[in-house]
């Protein structure tokens, strides 16, 4: 999953942890991306 581009916007750069409910990854917006970052939450 490292290096994967999520939603054509976020690049997965590191795995932070995992457990019974799933995995947590660190994602960054690649340089050169022109849109302003927004807070997005998933429940």
Protein backbone atom coordinates (compact mmCIF):
# COMPACT_ATOMS: atom_id res chain seq x y z
CA UNK A 1 0.00 0.00 0.00
CA UNK A 2 3.00 2.33 0.50
CA UNK A 3 3.30 4.59 -2.56
CA UNK A 4 -0.39 4.15 -3.50
CA UNK A 5 -2.26 7.31 -4.61
CA UNK A 6 -5.60 7.48 -2.82
CA UNK A 7 -8.55 9.34 -4.38
CA UNK A 8 -6.19 10.88 -6.97
CA UNK A 9 -4.90 13.19 -4.24
CA UNK A 10 -3.14 11.55 -1.28
CA UNK A 11 0.05 9.51 -1.47
CA UNK A 12 0.43 6.81 1.21
CA UNK A 13 3.92 7.25 2.69
CA UNK A 14 4.03 5.09 5.83
CA UNK A 15 2.10 2.51 7.84
CA UNK A 16 1.53 3.77 11.38
CA UNK A 17 -0.12 0.71 12.89
CA UNK A 18 -2.71 -2.03 12.65
CA UNK A 19 -5.16 -3.82 14.87
CA UNK A 20 -8.40 -5.74 14.97
CA UNK A 21 -10.36 -3.00 13.18
CA UNK A 22 -7.96 -2.21 10.35
CA UNK A 23 -4.75 -0.40 9.47
CA UNK A 24 -3.65 3.24 9.85
CA UNK A 25 -1.47 4.94 7.23
CA UNK A 26 0.22 8.31 6.95
CA UNK A 27 -0.71 10.13 3.74
CA UNK A 28 0.61 13.36 2.25
CA UNK A 29 -0.51 15.60 -0.58
CA UNK A 30 2.27 15.47 -3.21
CA UNK A 31 4.12 18.72 -3.98
CA UNK A 32 2.80 20.55 -6.99
CA UNK A 33 -0.83 19.80 -6.14
CA UNK A 34 -2.74 23.05 -6.65
CA UNK A 35 -5.91 22.57 -4.56
CA UNK A 36 -6.08 23.71 -0.94
CA UNK A 37 -6.08 20.87 1.62
CA UNK A 38 -9.39 20.10 3.32
CA UNK A 39 -10.24 18.19 6.46
CA UNK A 40 -11.95 14.94 5.54
CA UNK A 41 -13.23 12.45 8.10
CA UNK A 42 -14.35 8.88 7.60
CA UNK A 43 -16.53 7.09 10.13
